[in-house]
């Protein structure tokens, strides 16, 4: 993720939030919470197609997206840890002796 990608996604989200009649600061805060261009673009699409009518709906969706991202990361970390543990069980510790 480059800084330009993040800024471009953030600016699109802010434009959409302002278009819906909400303050630009809300878009900036939501972008910060989401953290990645992909998540920000997902939120922007949600706003474009959902007919959002309240700040609560926007915040709820942003928190749901963030929660899904966090869950996915935790799952990946657990899979990597499990793979390393299985390798340890299979090959044992390499203590330099043969």
N, C-alpha and C. Protein backbone atom coordinates (compact mmCIF):
# COMPACT_ATOMS: atom_id res chain seq x y z
N UNK A 1 0.85 -1.17 0.00
CA UNK A 1 0.00 0.00 0.00
C UNK A 1 0.89 1.23 0.00
N UNK A 2 0.67 2.07 -0.97
CA UNK A 2 1.43 3.32 -1.00
C UNK A 2 0.60 4.43 -0.37
N UNK A 3 1.29 5.46 -0.02
CA UNK A 3 0.62 6.62 0.58
C UNK A 3 -0.36 7.24 -0.42
N UNK A 4 0.01 7.25 -1.71
CA UNK A 4 -0.87 7.81 -2.73
C UNK A 4 -2.17 7.02 -2.84
N UNK A 5 -2.08 5.69 -2.77
CA UNK A 5 -3.29 4.86 -2.83
C UNK A 5 -4.20 5.15 -1.65
N UNK A 6 -3.60 5.26 -0.48
CA UNK A 6 -4.38 5.54 0.73
C UNK A 6 -5.06 6.90 0.62
N UNK A 7 -4.32 7.91 0.19
CA UNK A 7 -4.89 9.25 0.06
C UNK A 7 -6.00 9.30 -0.98
N UNK A 8 -5.80 8.62 -2.10
CA UNK A 8 -6.81 8.59 -3.15
C UNK A 8 -8.09 7.94 -2.64
N UNK A 9 -7.95 6.81 -1.95
CA UNK A 9 -9.12 6.13 -1.40
C UNK A 9 -9.80 6.99 -0.34
N UNK A 10 -9.01 7.60 0.53
CA UNK A 10 -9.57 8.47 1.57
C UNK A 10 -10.34 9.63 0.97
N UNK A 11 -9.76 10.26 -0.03
CA UNK A 11 -10.42 11.40 -0.66
C UNK A 11 -11.74 10.99 -1.31
N UNK A 12 -11.79 9.81 -1.90
CA UNK A 12 -13.03 9.31 -2.49
C UNK A 12 -14.09 9.08 -1.43
N UNK A 13 -13.69 8.54 -0.31
CA UNK A 13 -14.63 8.31 0.79
C UNK A 13 -15.15 9.64 1.34
N UNK A 14 -14.26 10.59 1.52
CA UNK A 14 -14.66 11.90 2.04
C UNK A 14 -15.63 12.56 1.07
N UNK A 15 -15.34 12.50 -0.22
CA UNK A 15 -16.26 13.09 -1.21
C UNK A 15 -17.65 12.46 -1.12
N UNK A 16 -17.69 11.15 -0.98
CA UNK A 16 -18.98 10.46 -0.92
C UNK A 16 -19.74 10.84 0.35
N UNK A 17 -19.05 10.94 1.46
CA UNK A 17 -19.70 11.31 2.72
C UNK A 17 -20.23 12.73 2.65
N UNK A 18 -19.45 13.64 2.08
CA UNK A 18 -19.90 15.02 1.92
C UNK A 18 -21.10 15.07 0.96
N UNK A 19 -21.06 14.28 -0.11
CA UNK A 19 -22.16 14.20 -1.06
C UNK A 19 -23.46 13.76 -0.37
N UNK A 20 -23.34 12.91 0.63
CA UNK A 20 -24.51 12.44 1.37
C UNK A 20 -24.98 13.45 2.43
N UNK A 21 -24.23 14.55 2.60
CA UNK A 21 -24.65 15.59 3.53
C UNK A 21 -24.02 15.52 4.90
N UNK A 22 -22.98 14.73 5.04
CA UNK A 22 -22.30 14.60 6.33
C UNK A 22 -20.98 15.37 6.28
N UNK A 23 -20.40 15.71 7.43
CA UNK A 23 -19.16 16.48 7.45
C UNK A 23 -17.96 15.67 6.94
N UNK A 24 -17.04 16.38 6.29
CA UNK A 24 -15.82 15.75 5.75
C UNK A 24 -15.01 15.08 6.85
N UNK A 25 -15.03 15.63 8.05
CA UNK A 25 -14.26 15.07 9.16
C UNK A 25 -14.70 13.64 9.46
N UNK A 26 -15.97 13.34 9.26
CA UNK A 26 -16.46 11.98 9.46
C UNK A 26 -15.75 11.02 8.50
N UNK A 27 -15.62 11.43 7.25
CA UNK A 27 -14.93 10.59 6.26
C UNK A 27 -13.48 10.37 6.62
N UNK A 28 -12.83 11.40 7.09
CA UNK A 28 -11.43 11.29 7.48
C UNK A 28 -11.26 10.33 8.66
N UNK A 29 -12.15 10.43 9.63
CA UNK A 29 -12.08 9.53 10.80
C UNK A 29 -12.36 8.09 10.40
N UNK A 30 -13.36 7.89 9.54
CA UNK A 30 -13.70 6.54 9.09
C UNK A 30 -12.53 5.94 8.32
N UNK A 31 -11.90 6.72 7.45
CA UNK A 31 -10.75 6.22 6.69
C UNK A 31 -9.63 5.80 7.62
N UNK A 32 -9.41 6.56 8.66
CA UNK A 32 -8.36 6.23 9.63
C UNK A 32 -8.69 4.92 10.36
N UNK A 33 -9.95 4.74 10.72
CA UNK A 33 -10.36 3.51 11.39
C UNK A 33 -10.16 2.30 10.48
N UNK A 34 -10.53 2.45 9.20
CA UNK A 34 -10.44 1.33 8.27
C UNK A 34 -9.00 0.98 7.93
N UNK A 35 -8.18 1.99 7.69
CA UNK A 35 -6.74 1.77 7.60
C UNK A 35 -6.14 1.33 6.28
N UNK A 36 -6.91 0.77 5.37
CA UNK A 36 -6.31 0.31 4.10
C UNK A 36 -7.15 0.79 2.94
N UNK A 37 -6.52 1.01 1.78
CA UNK A 37 -7.28 1.45 0.61
C UNK A 37 -8.41 0.50 0.24
N UNK A 38 -8.18 -0.79 0.34
CA UNK A 38 -9.22 -1.75 -0.01
C UNK A 38 -10.44 -1.62 0.89
N UNK A 39 -10.22 -1.49 2.18
CA UNK A 39 -11.32 -1.33 3.12
C UNK A 39 -12.03 0.00 2.90
N UNK A 40 -11.27 1.03 2.63
CA UNK A 40 -11.86 2.35 2.40
C UNK A 40 -12.71 2.33 1.13
N UNK A 41 -12.22 1.70 0.08
CA UNK A 41 -12.98 1.60 -1.16
C UNK A 41 -14.24 0.76 -0.96
N UNK A 42 -14.15 -0.29 -0.15
CA UNK A 42 -15.33 -1.09 0.16
C UNK A 42 -16.38 -0.23 0.87
N UNK A 43 -15.94 0.60 1.80
CA UNK A 43 -16.85 1.49 2.52
C UNK A 43 -17.47 2.49 1.56
N UNK A 44 -16.69 3.03 0.65
CA UNK A 44 -17.19 3.99 -0.33
C UNK A 44 -18.28 3.36 -1.19
N UNK A 45 -18.06 2.13 -1.64
CA UNK A 45 -19.07 1.44 -2.43
C UNK A 45 -20.34 1.21 -1.62
N UNK A 46 -20.18 0.85 -0.37
CA UNK A 46 -21.34 0.68 0.50
C UNK A 46 -22.16 1.97 0.55
N UNK A 47 -21.48 3.09 0.72
CA UNK A 47 -22.17 4.37 0.81
C UNK A 47 -22.89 4.71 -0.50
N UNK A 48 -22.27 4.35 -1.62
CA UNK A 48 -22.85 4.67 -2.92
C UNK A 48 -24.11 3.87 -3.20
N UNK A 49 -24.19 2.65 -2.70
CA UNK A 49 -25.27 1.76 -3.09
C UNK A 49 -26.27 1.41 -1.98
N UNK A 50 -26.07 1.89 -0.77
CA UNK A 50 -26.91 1.43 0.33
C UNK A 50 -28.03 2.38 0.73
N UNK A 51 -27.95 3.62 0.34
CA UNK A 51 -28.97 4.57 0.77
C UNK A 51 -28.84 4.95 2.23
N UNK A 52 -27.63 5.16 2.68
CA UNK A 52 -27.35 5.51 4.08
C UNK A 52 -28.10 6.78 4.45
N UNK A 53 -28.68 6.76 5.65
CA UNK A 53 -29.45 7.91 6.08
C UNK A 53 -28.99 8.47 7.42
N UNK A 54 -28.02 7.83 8.06
CA UNK A 54 -27.59 8.34 9.38
C UNK A 54 -26.11 8.06 9.60
N UNK A 55 -25.55 8.85 10.50
CA UNK A 55 -24.16 8.66 10.90
C UNK A 55 -24.00 7.29 11.54
N UNK A 56 -24.99 6.86 12.29
CA UNK A 56 -24.92 5.56 12.95
C UNK A 56 -24.75 4.42 11.96
N UNK A 57 -25.46 4.51 10.82
CA UNK A 57 -25.33 3.47 9.79
C UNK A 57 -23.92 3.45 9.22
N UNK A 58 -23.35 4.62 9.02
CA UNK A 58 -21.99 4.72 8.48
C UNK A 58 -21.00 4.11 9.46
N UNK A 59 -21.10 4.50 10.70
CA UNK A 59 -20.17 4.01 11.72
C UNK A 59 -20.34 2.50 11.92
N UNK A 60 -21.57 2.02 11.95
CA UNK A 60 -21.80 0.58 12.09
C UNK A 60 -21.13 -0.22 10.97
N UNK A 61 -21.28 0.25 9.74
CA UNK A 61 -20.66 -0.46 8.62
C UNK A 61 -19.14 -0.40 8.69
N UNK A 62 -18.60 0.75 9.05
CA UNK A 62 -17.14 0.88 9.18
C UNK A 62 -16.61 -0.07 10.24
N UNK A 63 -17.30 -0.17 11.36
CA UNK A 63 -16.87 -1.08 12.42
C UNK A 63 -17.00 -2.54 11.99
N UNK A 64 -18.02 -2.84 11.21
CA UNK A 64 -18.18 -4.21 10.71
C UNK A 64 -17.05 -4.58 9.76
N UNK A 65 -16.70 -3.67 8.88
CA UNK A 65 -15.58 -3.91 7.95
C UNK A 65 -14.29 -4.10 8.73
N UNK A 66 -14.04 -3.22 9.69
CA UNK A 66 -12.82 -3.31 10.51
C UNK A 66 -12.78 -4.63 11.27
N UNK A 67 -13.90 -5.06 11.79
CA UNK A 67 -13.98 -6.32 12.52
C UNK A 67 -13.66 -7.50 11.61
N UNK A 68 -14.17 -7.49 10.39
CA UNK A 68 -13.87 -8.56 9.43
C UNK A 68 -12.39 -8.61 9.11
N UNK A 69 -11.78 -7.46 8.95
CA UNK A 69 -10.33 -7.40 8.66
C UNK A 69 -9.55 -7.96 9.84
N UNK A 70 -9.90 -7.55 11.04
CA UNK A 70 -9.20 -8.03 12.23
C UNK A 70 -9.35 -9.54 12.39
N UNK A 71 -10.55 -10.05 12.14
CA UNK A 71 -10.80 -11.49 12.23
C UNK A 71 -9.97 -12.25 11.21
N UNK A 72 -9.90 -11.73 10.00
CA UNK A 72 -9.11 -12.38 8.93
C UNK A 72 -7.63 -12.41 9.33
N UNK A 73 -7.12 -11.30 9.85
CA UNK A 73 -5.70 -11.26 10.26
C UNK A 73 -5.42 -12.25 11.38
N UNK A 74 -6.31 -12.31 12.35
CA UNK A 74 -6.13 -13.25 13.46
C UNK A 74 -6.13 -14.69 12.94
N UNK A 75 -7.00 -14.99 11.99
CA UNK A 75 -7.07 -16.33 11.42
C UNK A 75 -5.77 -16.66 10.71
N UNK A 76 -5.24 -15.72 9.93
CA UNK A 76 -3.98 -15.95 9.22
C UNK A 76 -2.82 -16.16 10.19
N UNK A 77 -2.77 -15.37 11.25
CA UNK A 77 -1.71 -15.53 12.25
C UNK A 77 -1.81 -16.89 12.93
N UNK A 78 -3.02 -17.32 13.22
CA UNK A 78 -3.21 -18.64 13.84
C UNK A 78 -2.78 -19.75 12.89
N UNK A 79 -3.09 -19.62 11.61
CA UNK A 79 -2.69 -20.62 10.63
C UNK A 79 -1.17 -20.70 10.53
N UNK A 80 -0.50 -19.55 10.51
CA UNK A 80 0.96 -19.52 10.44
C UNK A 80 1.58 -20.14 11.69
N UNK A 81 1.03 -19.82 12.83
CA UNK A 81 1.53 -20.40 14.09
C UNK A 81 1.33 -21.90 14.11
N UNK A 82 0.18 -22.35 13.65
CA UNK A 82 -0.11 -23.77 13.60
C UNK A 82 0.84 -24.49 12.65
N UNK A 83 1.12 -23.87 11.51
CA UNK A 83 2.05 -24.47 10.55
C UNK A 83 3.45 -24.59 11.16
N UNK A 84 3.89 -23.55 11.86
CA UNK A 84 5.22 -23.59 12.49
C UNK A 84 5.25 -24.66 13.58
N UNK A 85 4.20 -24.78 14.35
CA UNK A 85 4.13 -25.80 15.41
C UNK A 85 4.16 -27.20 14.80
N UNK A 86 3.42 -27.40 13.73
CA UNK A 86 3.42 -28.70 13.06
C UNK A 86 4.80 -29.05 12.51
N UNK A 87 5.51 -28.07 11.98
CA UNK A 87 6.88 -28.31 11.50
C UNK A 87 7.78 -28.70 12.67
N UNK A 88 7.61 -28.06 13.80
CA UNK A 88 8.39 -28.39 14.98
C UNK A 88 8.10 -29.82 15.43
N UNK A 89 6.84 -30.20 15.43
CA UNK A 89 6.49 -31.56 15.81
C UNK A 89 7.05 -32.58 14.81
N UNK A 90 7.01 -32.25 13.56
CA UNK A 90 7.44 -33.18 12.52
C UNK A 90 8.96 -33.33 12.49
N UNK A 91 9.67 -32.20 12.53
CA UNK A 91 11.13 -32.23 12.38
C UNK A 91 11.88 -32.10 13.70
N UNK A 92 11.21 -31.67 14.74
CA UNK A 92 11.88 -31.49 16.03
C UNK A 92 12.70 -30.22 16.05
N UNK A 93 13.40 -30.05 17.16
CA UNK A 93 14.27 -28.88 17.29
C UNK A 93 15.60 -29.19 16.64
N UNK A 94 16.14 -28.22 15.95
CA UNK A 94 17.46 -28.38 15.33
C UNK A 94 18.50 -27.90 16.32
N UNK A 95 19.06 -28.87 17.07
CA UNK A 95 20.05 -28.49 18.09
C UNK A 95 21.48 -28.65 17.61
N UNK A 96 21.64 -28.90 16.32
CA UNK A 96 22.99 -28.99 15.76
C UNK A 96 23.59 -30.38 15.84
N UNK A 97 22.97 -31.31 16.52
CA UNK A 97 23.48 -32.69 16.62
C UNK A 97 22.76 -33.55 15.61
N UNK A 98 23.48 -34.54 15.12
CA UNK A 98 22.86 -35.46 14.17
C UNK A 98 22.87 -36.86 14.69
